[in-house]
Amino acid sequence: MKHFMIEYQFRNGTTEAWHQEIGRFIKAINADPELKGRIGYRCMKNRDDNSYFHLASVTDEAAQKTLQSRDFFKHYTEMTRQVAGGEVTVTPIEVIDATAA
């Protein structure tokens, strides 16, 4: 399993519209029969400022390539750049240990 953290400061647009866009992206992943159960995605926001953190996980390289080939992924990636004013950091992360839930 591969994990990534996507970080940025929200700079453009309305948070309501952006949160709806995030919801559409997650629904698209869940609705895709080739991706369902192979991609994990979670979005969080710092309560005190405009910092956003997205945690993504993929089961394997094939799932990652399939996701990247989807039009909804390309659209969402571009929208992320727009709301962040072009400054998005994607960091591969390694899980050391975790609870069962």
PDB file of N, CA and C in Angstrom:
ATOM      1  N   MET A   1       0.846  -1.175   0.000  1.00  0.00           N
ATOM      2  CA  MET A   1       0.000   0.000   0.000  1.00  0.00           C
ATOM      3  C   MET A   1       0.891   1.236   0.000  1.00  0.00           C
ATOM      4  N   LYS A   2       0.553   2.198  -0.852  1.00  0.00           N
ATOM      5  CA  LYS A   2       1.275   3.469  -0.924  1.00  0.00           C
ATOM      6  C   LYS A   2       0.382   4.568  -0.353  1.00  0.00           C
ATOM      7  N   HIS A   3       0.986   5.511   0.361  1.00  0.00           N
ATOM      8  CA  HIS A   3       0.246   6.614   0.975  1.00  0.00           C
ATOM      9  C   HIS A   3       0.866   7.942   0.564  1.00  0.00           C
ATOM     10  N   PHE A   4       0.001   8.956   0.457  1.00  0.00           N
ATOM     11  CA  PHE A   4       0.443  10.294   0.089  1.00  0.00           C
ATOM     12  C   PHE A   4      -0.303  11.323   0.921  1.00  0.00           C
ATOM     13  N   MET A   5       0.397  12.411   1.256  1.00  0.00           N
ATOM     14  CA  MET A   5      -0.256  13.548   1.894  1.00  0.00           C
ATOM     15  C   MET A   5      -0.185  14.722   0.925  1.00  0.00           C
ATOM     16  N   ILE A   6      -1.333  15.331   0.674  1.00  0.00           N
ATOM     17  CA  ILE A   6      -1.427  16.505  -0.179  1.00  0.00           C
ATOM     18  C   ILE A   6      -1.728  17.684   0.733  1.00  0.00           C
ATOM     19  N   GLU A   7      -0.911  18.731   0.651  1.00  0.00           N
ATOM     20  CA  GLU A   7      -1.065  19.883   1.541  1.00  0.00           C
ATOM     21  C   GLU A   7      -1.114  21.169   0.724  1.00  0.00           C
ATOM     22  N   TYR A   8      -1.941  22.121   1.188  1.00  0.00           N
ATOM     23  CA  TYR A   8      -2.008  23.435   0.550  1.00  0.00           C
ATOM     24  C   TYR A   8      -2.784  24.392   1.442  1.00  0.00           C
ATOM     25  N   GLN A   9      -2.693  25.664   1.095  1.00  0.00           N
ATOM     26  CA  GLN A   9      -3.483  26.711   1.734  1.00  0.00           C
ATOM     27  C   GLN A   9      -4.618  27.067   0.787  1.00  0.00           C
ATOM     28  N   PHE A  10      -5.841  27.068   1.262  1.00  0.00           N
ATOM     29  CA  PHE A  10      -6.989  27.453   0.442  1.00  0.00           C
ATOM     30  C   PHE A  10      -6.911  28.954   0.187  1.00  0.00           C
ATOM     31  N   ARG A  11      -6.888  29.348  -1.103  1.00  0.00           N
ATOM     32  CA  ARG A  11      -6.709  30.752  -1.459  1.00  0.00           C
ATOM     33  C   ARG A  11      -7.780  31.306  -2.386  1.00  0.00           C
ATOM     34  N   ASN A  12      -8.419  30.465  -3.183  1.00  0.00           N
ATOM     35  CA  ASN A  12      -9.336  30.946  -4.218  1.00  0.00           C
ATOM     36  C   ASN A  12     -10.672  30.217  -4.172  1.00  0.00           C
ATOM     37  N   GLY A  13     -11.755  30.984  -4.318  1.00  0.00           N
ATOM     38  CA  GLY A  13     -13.086  30.387  -4.360  1.00  0.00           C
ATOM     39  C   GLY A  13     -13.758  30.411  -3.002  1.00  0.00           C
ATOM     40  N   THR A  14     -14.849  29.658  -2.912  1.00  0.00           N
ATOM     41  CA  THR A  14     -15.568  29.553  -1.639  1.00  0.00           C
ATOM     42  C   THR A  14     -15.344  28.163  -1.061  1.00  0.00           C
ATOM     43  N   THR A  15     -15.269  28.098   0.257  1.00  0.00           N
ATOM     44  CA  THR A  15     -15.054  26.794   0.888  1.00  0.00           C
ATOM     45  C   THR A  15     -16.243  25.876   0.630  1.00  0.00           C
ATOM     46  N   GLU A  16     -17.446  26.423   0.573  1.00  0.00           N
ATOM     47  CA  GLU A  16     -18.625  25.578   0.311  1.00  0.00           C
ATOM     48  C   GLU A  16     -18.511  24.889  -1.046  1.00  0.00           C
ATOM     49  N   ALA A  17     -18.157  25.642  -2.072  1.00  0.00           N
ATOM     50  CA  ALA A  17     -18.010  25.051  -3.410  1.00  0.00           C
ATOM     51  C   ALA A  17     -16.871  24.037  -3.433  1.00  0.00           C
ATOM     52  N   TRP A  18     -15.776  24.343  -2.738  1.00  0.00           N
ATOM     53  CA  TRP A  18     -14.644  23.433  -2.713  1.00  0.00           C
ATOM     54  C   TRP A  18     -14.994  22.137  -1.993  1.00  0.00           C
ATOM     55  N   HIS A  19     -15.704  22.236  -0.902  1.00  0.00           N
ATOM     56  CA  HIS A  19     -16.097  21.028  -0.161  1.00  0.00           C
ATOM     57  C   HIS A  19     -17.042  20.162  -0.993  1.00  0.00           C
ATOM     58  N   GLN A  20     -17.887  20.791  -1.786  1.00  0.00           N
ATOM     59  CA  GLN A  20     -18.757  20.028  -2.700  1.00  0.00           C
ATOM     60  C   GLN A  20     -17.927  19.305  -3.757  1.00  0.00           C
ATOM     61  N   GLU A  21     -16.901  19.986  -4.255  1.00  0.00           N
ATOM     62  CA  GLU A  21     -16.005  19.380  -5.255  1.00  0.00           C
ATOM     63  C   GLU A  21     -15.279  18.170  -4.664  1.00  0.00           C
ATOM     64  N   ILE A  22     -14.813  18.293  -3.442  1.00  0.00           N
ATOM     65  CA  ILE A  22     -14.162  17.170  -2.766  1.00  0.00           C
ATOM     66  C   ILE A  22     -15.133  15.995  -2.656  1.00  0.00           C
ATOM     67  N   GLY A  23     -16.370  16.283  -2.260  1.00  0.00           N
ATOM     68  CA  GLY A  23     -17.382  15.237  -2.149  1.00  0.00           C
ATOM     69  C   GLY A  23     -17.646  14.540  -3.473  1.00  0.00           C
ATOM     70  N   ARG A  24     -17.698  15.311  -4.565  1.00  0.00           N
ATOM     71  CA  ARG A  24     -17.909  14.716  -5.902  1.00  0.00           C
ATOM     72  C   ARG A  24     -16.747  13.790  -6.275  1.00  0.00           C
ATOM     73  N   PHE A  25     -15.531  14.220  -5.943  1.00  0.00           N
ATOM     74  CA  PHE A  25     -14.362  13.402  -6.255  1.00  0.00           C
ATOM     75  C   PHE A  25     -14.410  12.070  -5.500  1.00  0.00           C
ATOM     76  N   ILE A  26     -14.710  12.125  -4.231  1.00  0.00           N
ATOM     77  CA  ILE A  26     -14.784  10.899  -3.431  1.00  0.00           C
ATOM     78  C   ILE A  26     -15.912   9.998  -3.925  1.00  0.00           C
ATOM     79  N   LYS A  27     -17.047  10.569  -4.266  1.00  0.00           N
ATOM     80  CA  LYS A  27     -18.151   9.766  -4.817  1.00  0.00           C
ATOM     81  C   LYS A  27     -17.749   9.105  -6.128  1.00  0.00           C
ATOM     82  N   ALA A  28     -16.987   9.812  -6.965  1.00  0.00           N
ATOM     83  CA  ALA A  28     -16.543   9.247  -8.241  1.00  0.00           C
ATOM     84  C   ALA A  28     -15.616   8.059  -8.012  1.00  0.00           C
ATOM     85  N   ILE A  29     -14.731   8.169  -7.038  1.00  0.00           N
ATOM     86  CA  ILE A  29     -13.855   7.031  -6.719  1.00  0.00           C
ATOM     87  C   ILE A  29     -14.693   5.843  -6.266  1.00  0.00           C
ATOM     88  N   ASN A  30     -15.624   6.092  -5.348  1.00  0.00           N
ATOM     89  CA  ASN A  30     -16.458   5.008  -4.825  1.00  0.00           C
ATOM     90  C   ASN A  30     -17.353   4.382  -5.882  1.00  0.00           C
ATOM     91  N   ALA A  31     -17.726   5.153  -6.898  1.00  0.00           N
ATOM     92  CA  ALA A  31     -18.617   4.655  -7.944  1.00  0.00           C
ATOM     93  C   ALA A  31     -17.862   3.923  -9.057  1.00  0.00           C
ATOM     94  N   ASP A  32     -16.567   4.051  -9.099  1.00  0.00           N
ATOM     95  CA  ASP A  32     -15.773   3.437 -10.162  1.00  0.00           C
ATOM     96  C   ASP A  32     -15.478   1.987  -9.796  1.00  0.00           C
ATOM     97  N   PRO A  33     -15.994   1.027 -10.563  1.00  0.00           N
ATOM     98  CA  PRO A  33     -15.810  -0.380 -10.200  1.00  0.00           C
ATOM     99  C   PRO A  33     -14.347  -0.846 -10.190  1.00  0.00           C
ATOM    100  N   GLU A  34     -13.483  -0.185 -10.960  1.00  0.00           N
ATOM    101  CA  GLU A  34     -12.070  -0.567 -10.972  1.00  0.00           C
ATOM    102  C   GLU A  34     -11.294   0.028  -9.803  1.00  0.00           C
ATOM    103  N   LEU A  35     -11.855   1.059  -9.163  1.00  0.00           N
ATOM    104  CA  LEU A  35     -11.153   1.734  -8.072  1.00  0.00           C
ATOM    105  C   LEU A  35     -11.735   1.453  -6.698  1.00  0.00           C
ATOM    106  N   LYS A  36     -13.007   1.142  -6.632  1.00  0.00           N
ATOM    107  CA  LYS A  36     -13.666   0.934  -5.339  1.00  0.00           C
ATOM    108  C   LYS A  36     -12.922  -0.116  -4.521  1.00  0.00           C
ATOM    109  N   GLY A  37     -12.555   0.271  -3.306  1.00  0.00           N
ATOM    110  CA  GLY A  37     -11.827  -0.629  -2.415  1.00  0.00           C
ATOM    111  C   GLY A  37     -10.321  -0.642  -2.644  1.00  0.00           C
ATOM    112  N   ARG A  38      -9.860   0.041  -3.683  1.00  0.00           N
ATOM    113  CA  ARG A  38      -8.428   0.064  -3.998  1.00  0.00           C
ATOM    114  C   ARG A  38      -7.795   1.436  -3.749  1.00  0.00           C
ATOM    115  N   ILE A  39      -8.646   2.448  -3.574  1.00  0.00           N
ATOM    116  CA  ILE A  39      -8.192   3.814  -3.326  1.00  0.00           C
ATOM    117  C   ILE A  39      -8.833   4.294  -2.029  1.00  0.00           C
ATOM    118  N   GLY A  40      -8.031   4.800  -1.117  1.00  0.00           N
ATOM    119  CA  GLY A  40      -8.554   5.441   0.087  1.00  0.00           C
ATOM    120  C   GLY A  40      -8.284   6.931  -0.020  1.00  0.00           C
ATOM    121  N   TYR A  41      -9.255   7.751   0.386  1.00  0.00           N
ATOM    122  CA  TYR A  41      -9.065   9.202   0.278  1.00  0.00           C
ATOM    123  C   TYR A  41      -9.792   9.880   1.421  1.00  0.00           C
ATOM    124  N   ARG A  42      -9.090  10.761   2.084  1.00  0.00           N
ATOM    125  CA  ARG A  42      -9.659  11.483   3.227  1.00  0.00           C
ATOM    126  C   ARG A  42      -9.167  12.921   3.157  1.00  0.00           C
ATOM    127  N   CYS A  43     -10.068  13.867   3.358  1.00  0.00           N
ATOM    128  CA  CYS A  43      -9.702  15.281   3.351  1.00  0.00           C
ATOM    129  C   CYS A  43      -9.977  15.872   4.725  1.00  0.00           C
ATOM    130  N   MET A  44      -9.013  16.659   5.226  1.00  0.00           N
ATOM    131  CA  MET A  44      -9.137  17.327   6.511  1.00  0.00           C
ATOM    132  C   MET A  44      -8.690  18.767   6.373  1.00  0.00           C
ATOM    133  N   LYS A  45      -9.162  19.610   7.295  1.00  0.00           N
ATOM    134  CA  LYS A  45      -8.826  21.027   7.302  1.00  0.00           C
ATOM    135  C   LYS A  45      -8.440  21.433   8.715  1.00  0.00           C
ATOM    136  N   ASN A  46      -7.426  22.265   8.814  1.00  0.00           N
ATOM    137  CA  ASN A  46      -7.073  22.856  10.103  1.00  0.00           C
ATOM    138  C   ASN A  46      -8.228  23.770  10.518  1.00  0.00           C
ATOM    139  N   ARG A  47      -8.769  23.587  11.717  1.00  0.00           N
ATOM    140  CA  ARG A  47      -9.896  24.403  12.176  1.00  0.00           C
ATOM    141  C   ARG A  47      -9.536  25.871  12.339  1.00  0.00           C
ATOM    142  N   ASP A  48      -8.257  26.166  12.529  1.00  0.00           N
ATOM    143  CA  ASP A  48      -7.839  27.522  12.869  1.00  0.00           C
ATOM    144  C   ASP A  48      -7.337  28.356  11.693  1.00  0.00           C
ATOM    145  N   ASP A  49      -7.166  27.751  10.537  1.00  0.00           N
ATOM    146  CA  ASP A  49      -6.713  28.525   9.377  1.00  0.00           C
ATOM    147  C   ASP A  49      -7.193  27.854   8.087  1.00  0.00           C
ATOM    148  N   ASN A  50      -6.569  28.175   6.973  1.00  0.00           N
ATOM    149  CA  ASN A  50      -6.984  27.659   5.661  1.00  0.00           C
ATOM    150  C   ASN A  50      -6.102  26.519   5.166  1.00  0.00           C
ATOM    151  N   SER A  51      -5.460  25.804   6.079  1.00  0.00           N
ATOM    152  CA  SER A  51      -4.614  24.672   5.699  1.00  0.00           C
ATOM    153  C   SER A  51      -5.475  23.432   5.468  1.00  0.00           C
ATOM    154  N   TYR A  52      -5.244  22.779   4.334  1.00  0.00           N
ATOM    155  CA  TYR A  52      -5.939  21.528   4.004  1.00  0.00           C
ATOM    156  C   TYR A  52      -4.926  20.402   3.909  1.00  0.00           C
ATOM    157  N   PHE A  53      -5.367  19.209   4.304  1.00  0.00           N
ATOM    158  CA  PHE A  53      -4.543  18.011   4.269  1.00  0.00           C
ATOM    159  C   PHE A  53      -5.398  16.893   3.691  1.00  0.00           C
ATOM    160  N   HIS A  54      -4.939  16.292   2.636  1.00  0.00           N
ATOM    161  CA  HIS A  54      -5.630  15.156   2.041  1.00  0.00           C
ATOM    162  C   HIS A  54      -4.721  13.949   2.208  1.00  0.00           C
ATOM    163  N   LEU A  55      -5.271  12.852   2.676  1.00  0.00           N
ATOM    164  CA  LEU A  55      -4.528  11.603   2.798  1.00  0.00           C
ATOM    165  C   LEU A  55      -5.069  10.634   1.762  1.00  0.00           C
ATOM    166  N   ALA A  56      -4.197  10.168   0.901  1.00  0.00           N
ATOM    167  CA  ALA A  56      -4.587   9.232  -0.147  1.00  0.00           C
ATOM    168  C   ALA A  56      -3.798   7.942   0.026  1.00  0.00           C
ATOM    169  N   SER A  57      -4.451   6.835  -0.267  1.00  0.00           N
ATOM    170  CA  SER A  57      -3.757   5.554  -0.253  1.00  0.00           C
ATOM    171  C   SER A  57      -4.199   4.742  -1.462  1.00  0.00           C
ATOM    172  N   VAL A  58      -3.263   3.995  -2.011  1.00  0.00           N
ATOM    173  CA  VAL A  58      -3.554   3.134  -3.153  1.00  0.00           C
ATOM    174  C   VAL A  58      -3.023   1.743  -2.842  1.00  0.00           C
ATOM    175  N   THR A  59      -3.765   0.742  -3.264  1.00  0.00           N
ATOM    176  CA  THR A  59      -3.363  -0.631  -2.952  1.00  0.00           C
ATOM    177  C   THR A  59      -2.150  -1.071  -3.751  1.00  0.00           C
ATOM    178  N   ASP A  60      -2.022  -0.540  -4.980  1.00  0.00           N
ATOM    179  CA  ASP A  60      -0.919  -0.957  -5.842  1.00  0.00           C
ATOM    180  C   ASP A  60      -0.731   0.054  -6.974  1.00  0.00           C
ATOM    181  N   GLU A  61       0.335  -0.148  -7.725  1.00  0.00           N
ATOM    182  CA  GLU A  61       0.680   0.742  -8.834  1.00  0.00           C
ATOM    183  C   GLU A  61      -0.427   0.783  -9.895  1.00  0.00           C
ATOM    184  N   ALA A  62      -1.057  -0.344 -10.150  1.00  0.00           N
ATOM    185  CA  ALA A  62      -2.118  -0.399 -11.153  1.00  0.00           C
ATOM    186  C   ALA A  62      -3.302   0.476 -10.749  1.00  0.00           C
ATOM    187  N   ALA A  63      -3.665   0.466  -9.468  1.00  0.00           N
ATOM    188  CA  ALA A  63      -4.771   1.302  -8.989  1.00  0.00           C
ATOM    189  C   ALA A  63      -4.414   2.778  -9.138  1.00  0.00           C
ATOM    190  N   GLN A  64      -3.165   3.123  -8.835  1.00  0.00           N
ATOM    191  CA  GLN A  64      -2.719   4.512  -8.969  1.00  0.00           C
ATOM    192  C   GLN A  64      -2.797   4.961 -10.432  1.00  0.00           C
ATOM    193  N   LYS A  65      -2.338   4.134 -11.346  1.00  0.00           N
ATOM    194  CA  LYS A  65      -2.374   4.479 -12.772  1.00  0.00           C
ATOM    195  C   LYS A  65      -3.808   4.572 -13.282  1.00  0.00           C
ATOM    196  N   THR A  66      -4.667   3.688 -12.809  1.00  0.00           N
ATOM    197  CA  THR A  66      -6.069   3.735 -13.215  1.00  0.00           C
ATOM    198  C   THR A  66      -6.702   5.028 -12.743  1.00  0.00           C
ATOM    199  N   LEU A  67      -6.463   5.401 -11.487  1.00  0.00           N
ATOM    200  CA  LEU A  67      -6.998   6.656 -10.971  1.00  0.00           C
ATOM    201  C   LEU A  67      -6.499   7.836 -11.801  1.00  0.00           C
ATOM    202  N   GLN A  68      -5.209   7.884 -12.057  1.00  0.00           N
ATOM    203  CA  GLN A  68      -4.625   8.997 -12.794  1.00  0.00           C
ATOM    204  C   GLN A  68      -5.135   9.088 -14.230  1.00  0.00           C
ATOM    205  N   SER A  69      -5.661   8.003 -14.767  1.00  0.00           N
ATOM    206  CA  SER A  69      -6.189   8.013 -16.130  1.00  0.00           C
ATOM    207  C   SER A  69      -7.617   8.551 -16.218  1.00  0.00           C
ATOM    208  N   ARG A  70      -8.280   8.687 -15.092  1.00  0.00           N
ATOM    209  CA  ARG A  70      -9.682   9.099 -15.083  1.00  0.00           C
ATOM    210  C   ARG A  70      -9.823  10.608 -15.270  1.00  0.00           C
ATOM    211  N   ASP A  71     -10.816  11.008 -16.068  1.00  0.00           N
ATOM    212  CA  ASP A  71     -11.080  12.433 -16.287  1.00  0.00           C
ATOM    213  C   ASP A  71     -11.424  13.143 -14.981  1.00  0.00           C
ATOM    214  N   PHE A  72     -12.169  12.476 -14.094  1.00  0.00           N
ATOM    215  CA  PHE A  72     -12.543  13.139 -12.833  1.00  0.00           C
ATOM    216  C   PHE A  72     -11.312  13.414 -11.969  1.00  0.00           C
ATOM    217  N   PHE A  73     -10.273  12.568 -12.067  1.00  0.00           N
ATOM    218  CA  PHE A  73      -9.030  12.820 -11.335  1.00  0.00           C
ATOM    219  C   PHE A  73      -8.302  14.029 -11.918  1.00  0.00           C
ATOM    220  N   LYS A  74      -8.224  14.095 -13.232  1.00  0.00           N
ATOM    221  CA  LYS A  74      -7.553  15.221 -13.889  1.00  0.00           C
ATOM    222  C   LYS A  74      -8.254  16.535 -13.549  1.00  0.00           C
ATOM    223  N   HIS A  75      -9.582  16.525 -13.571  1.00  0.00           N
ATOM    224  CA  HIS A  75     -10.361  17.727 -13.224  1.00  0.00           C
ATOM    225  C   HIS A  75     -10.107  18.127 -11.771  1.00  0.00           C
ATOM    226  N   TYR A  76     -10.154  17.170 -10.873  1.00  0.00           N
ATOM    227  CA  TYR A  76      -9.967  17.440  -9.448  1.00  0.00           C
ATOM    228  C   TYR A  76      -8.558  17.958  -9.157  1.00  0.00           C
ATOM    229  N   THR A  77      -7.559  17.390  -9.803  1.00  0.00           N
ATOM    230  CA  THR A  77      -6.188  17.843  -9.626  1.00  0.00           C
ATOM    231  C   THR A  77      -6.047  19.297 -10.059  1.00  0.00           C
ATOM    232  N   GLU A  78      -6.651  19.639 -11.187  1.00  0.00           N
ATOM    233  CA  GLU A  78      -6.596  21.028 -11.662  1.00  0.00           C
ATOM    234  C   GLU A  78      -7.350  21.959 -10.716  1.00  0.00           C
ATOM    235  N   MET A  79      -8.494  21.533 -10.227  1.00  0.00           N
ATOM    236  CA  MET A  79      -9.263  22.348  -9.274  1.00  0.00           C
ATOM    237  C   MET A  79      -8.471  22.554  -7.983  1.00  0.00           C
ATOM    238  N   THR A  80      -7.763  21.532  -7.536  1.00  0.00           N
ATOM    239  CA  THR A  80      -6.937  21.659  -6.329  1.00  0.00           C
ATOM    240  C   THR A  80      -5.870  22.729  -6.534  1.00  0.00           C
ATOM    241  N   ARG A  81      -5.219  22.703  -7.683  1.00  0.00           N
ATOM    242  CA  ARG A  81      -4.204  23.730  -7.982  1.00  0.00           C
ATOM    243  C   ARG A  81      -4.823  25.126  -7.979  1.00  0.00           C
ATOM    244  N   GLN A  82      -6.023  25.235  -8.538  1.00  0.00           N
ATOM    245  CA  GLN A  82      -6.686  26.540  -8.606  1.00  0.00           C
ATOM    246  C   GLN A  82      -7.017  27.081  -7.220  1.00  0.00           C
ATOM    247  N   VAL A  83      -7.637  26.261  -6.370  1.00  0.00           N
ATOM    248  CA  VAL A  83      -8.021  26.764  -5.046  1.00  0.00           C
ATOM    249  C   VAL A  83      -6.796  27.051  -4.181  1.00  0.00           C
ATOM    250  N   ALA A  84      -5.679  26.385  -4.481  1.00  0.00           N
ATOM    251  CA  ALA A  84      -4.444  26.573  -3.715  1.00  0.00           C
ATOM    252  C   ALA A  84      -3.562  27.669  -4.300  1.00  0.00           C
ATOM    253  N   GLY A  85      -4.002  28.318  -5.347  1.00  0.00           N
ATOM    254  CA  GLY A  85      -3.163  29.333  -5.967  1.00  0.00           C
ATOM    255  C   GLY A  85      -1.902  28.757  -6.581  1.00  0.00           C
ATOM    256  N   GLY A  86      -1.966  27.489  -6.993  1.00  0.00           N
ATOM    257  CA  GLY A  86      -0.841  26.842  -7.662  1.00  0.00           C
ATOM    258  C   GLY A  86       0.186  26.217  -6.745  1.00  0.00           C
ATOM    259  N   GLU A  87       0.019  26.340  -5.439  1.00  0.00           N
ATOM    260  CA  GLU A  87       1.013  25.811  -4.499  1.00  0.00           C
ATOM    261  C   GLU A  87       0.468  24.598  -3.747  1.00  0.00           C
ATOM    262  N   VAL A  88       0.725  23.426  -4.293  1.00  0.00           N
ATOM    263  CA  VAL A  88       0.278  22.168  -3.703  1.00  0.00           C
ATOM    264  C   VAL A  88       1.504  21.286  -3.481  1.00  0.00           C
ATOM    265  N   THR A  89       1.612  20.701  -2.295  1.00  0.00           N
ATOM    266  CA  THR A  89       2.716  19.797  -1.984  1.00  0.00           C
ATOM    267  C   THR A  89       2.163  18.380  -1.842  1.00  0.00           C
ATOM    268  N   VAL A  90       2.743  17.451  -2.585  1.00  0.00           N
ATOM    269  CA  VAL A  90       2.379  16.037  -2.479  1.00  0.00           C
ATOM    270  C   VAL A  90       3.586  15.304  -1.924  1.00  0.00           C
ATOM    271  N   THR A  91       3.390  14.651  -0.775  1.00  0.00           N
ATOM    272  CA  THR A  91       4.483  13.966  -0.088  1.00  0.00           C
ATOM    273  C   THR A  91       4.160  12.487   0.055  1.00  0.00           C
ATOM    274  N   PRO A  92       5.022  11.599  -0.461  1.00  0.00           N
ATOM    275  CA  PRO A  92       4.825  10.182  -0.177  1.00  0.00           C
ATOM    276  C   PRO A  92       5.116   9.949   1.297  1.00  0.00           C
ATOM    277  N   ILE A  93       4.244   9.227   1.979  1.00  0.00           N
ATOM    278  CA  ILE A  93       4.439   8.969   3.399  1.00  0.00           C
ATOM    279  C   ILE A  93       4.430   7.465   3.673  1.00  0.00           C
ATOM    280  N   GLU A  94       5.048   7.106   4.753  1.00  0.00           N
ATOM    281  CA  GLU A  94       5.163   5.710   5.151  1.00  0.00           C
ATOM    282  C   GLU A  94       4.481   5.530   6.501  1.00  0.00           C
ATOM    283  N   VAL A  95       3.603   4.553   6.586  1.00  0.00           N
ATOM    284  CA  VAL A  95       2.938   4.257   7.853  1.00  0.00           C
ATOM    285  C   VAL A  95       3.854   3.352   8.674  1.00  0.00           C
ATOM    286  N   ILE A  96       4.104   3.753   9.891  1.00  0.00           N
ATOM    287  CA  ILE A  96       4.937   2.959  10.789  1.00  0.00           C
ATOM    288  C   ILE A  96       4.076   1.972  11.575  1.00  0.00           C
ATOM    289  N   ASP A  97       2.937   2.449  12.096  1.00  0.00           N
ATOM    290  CA  ASP A  97       2.025   1.603  12.858  1.00  0.00           C
ATOM    291  C   ASP A  97       0.684   2.308  12.932  1.00  0.00           C
ATOM    292  N   ALA A  98      -0.369   1.593  13.228  1.00  0.00           N
ATOM    293  CA  ALA A  98      -1.697   2.196  13.291  1.00  0.00           C
ATOM    294  C   ALA A  98      -2.641   1.325  14.111  1.00  0.00           C
ATOM    295  N   THR A  99      -3.701   1.940  14.590  1.00  0.00           N
ATOM    296  CA  THR A  99      -4.747   1.176  15.273  1.00  0.00           C
ATOM    297  C   THR A  99      -5.550   0.396  14.234  1.00  0.00           C
ATOM    298  N   ALA A 100      -6.382  -0.501  14.673  1.00  0.00           N
ATOM    299  CA  ALA A 100      -7.172  -1.321  13.758  1.00  0.00           C
ATOM    300  C   ALA A 100      -8.263  -0.525  13.068  1.00  0.00           C
ATOM    301  N   ALA A 101      -8.756   0.558  13.665  1.00  0.00           N
ATOM    302  CA  ALA A 101      -9.867   1.293  13.064  1.00  0.00           C
ATOM    303  C   ALA A 101      -9.400   2.358  12.112  1.00  0.00           C
TER     304      ALA A 101
END
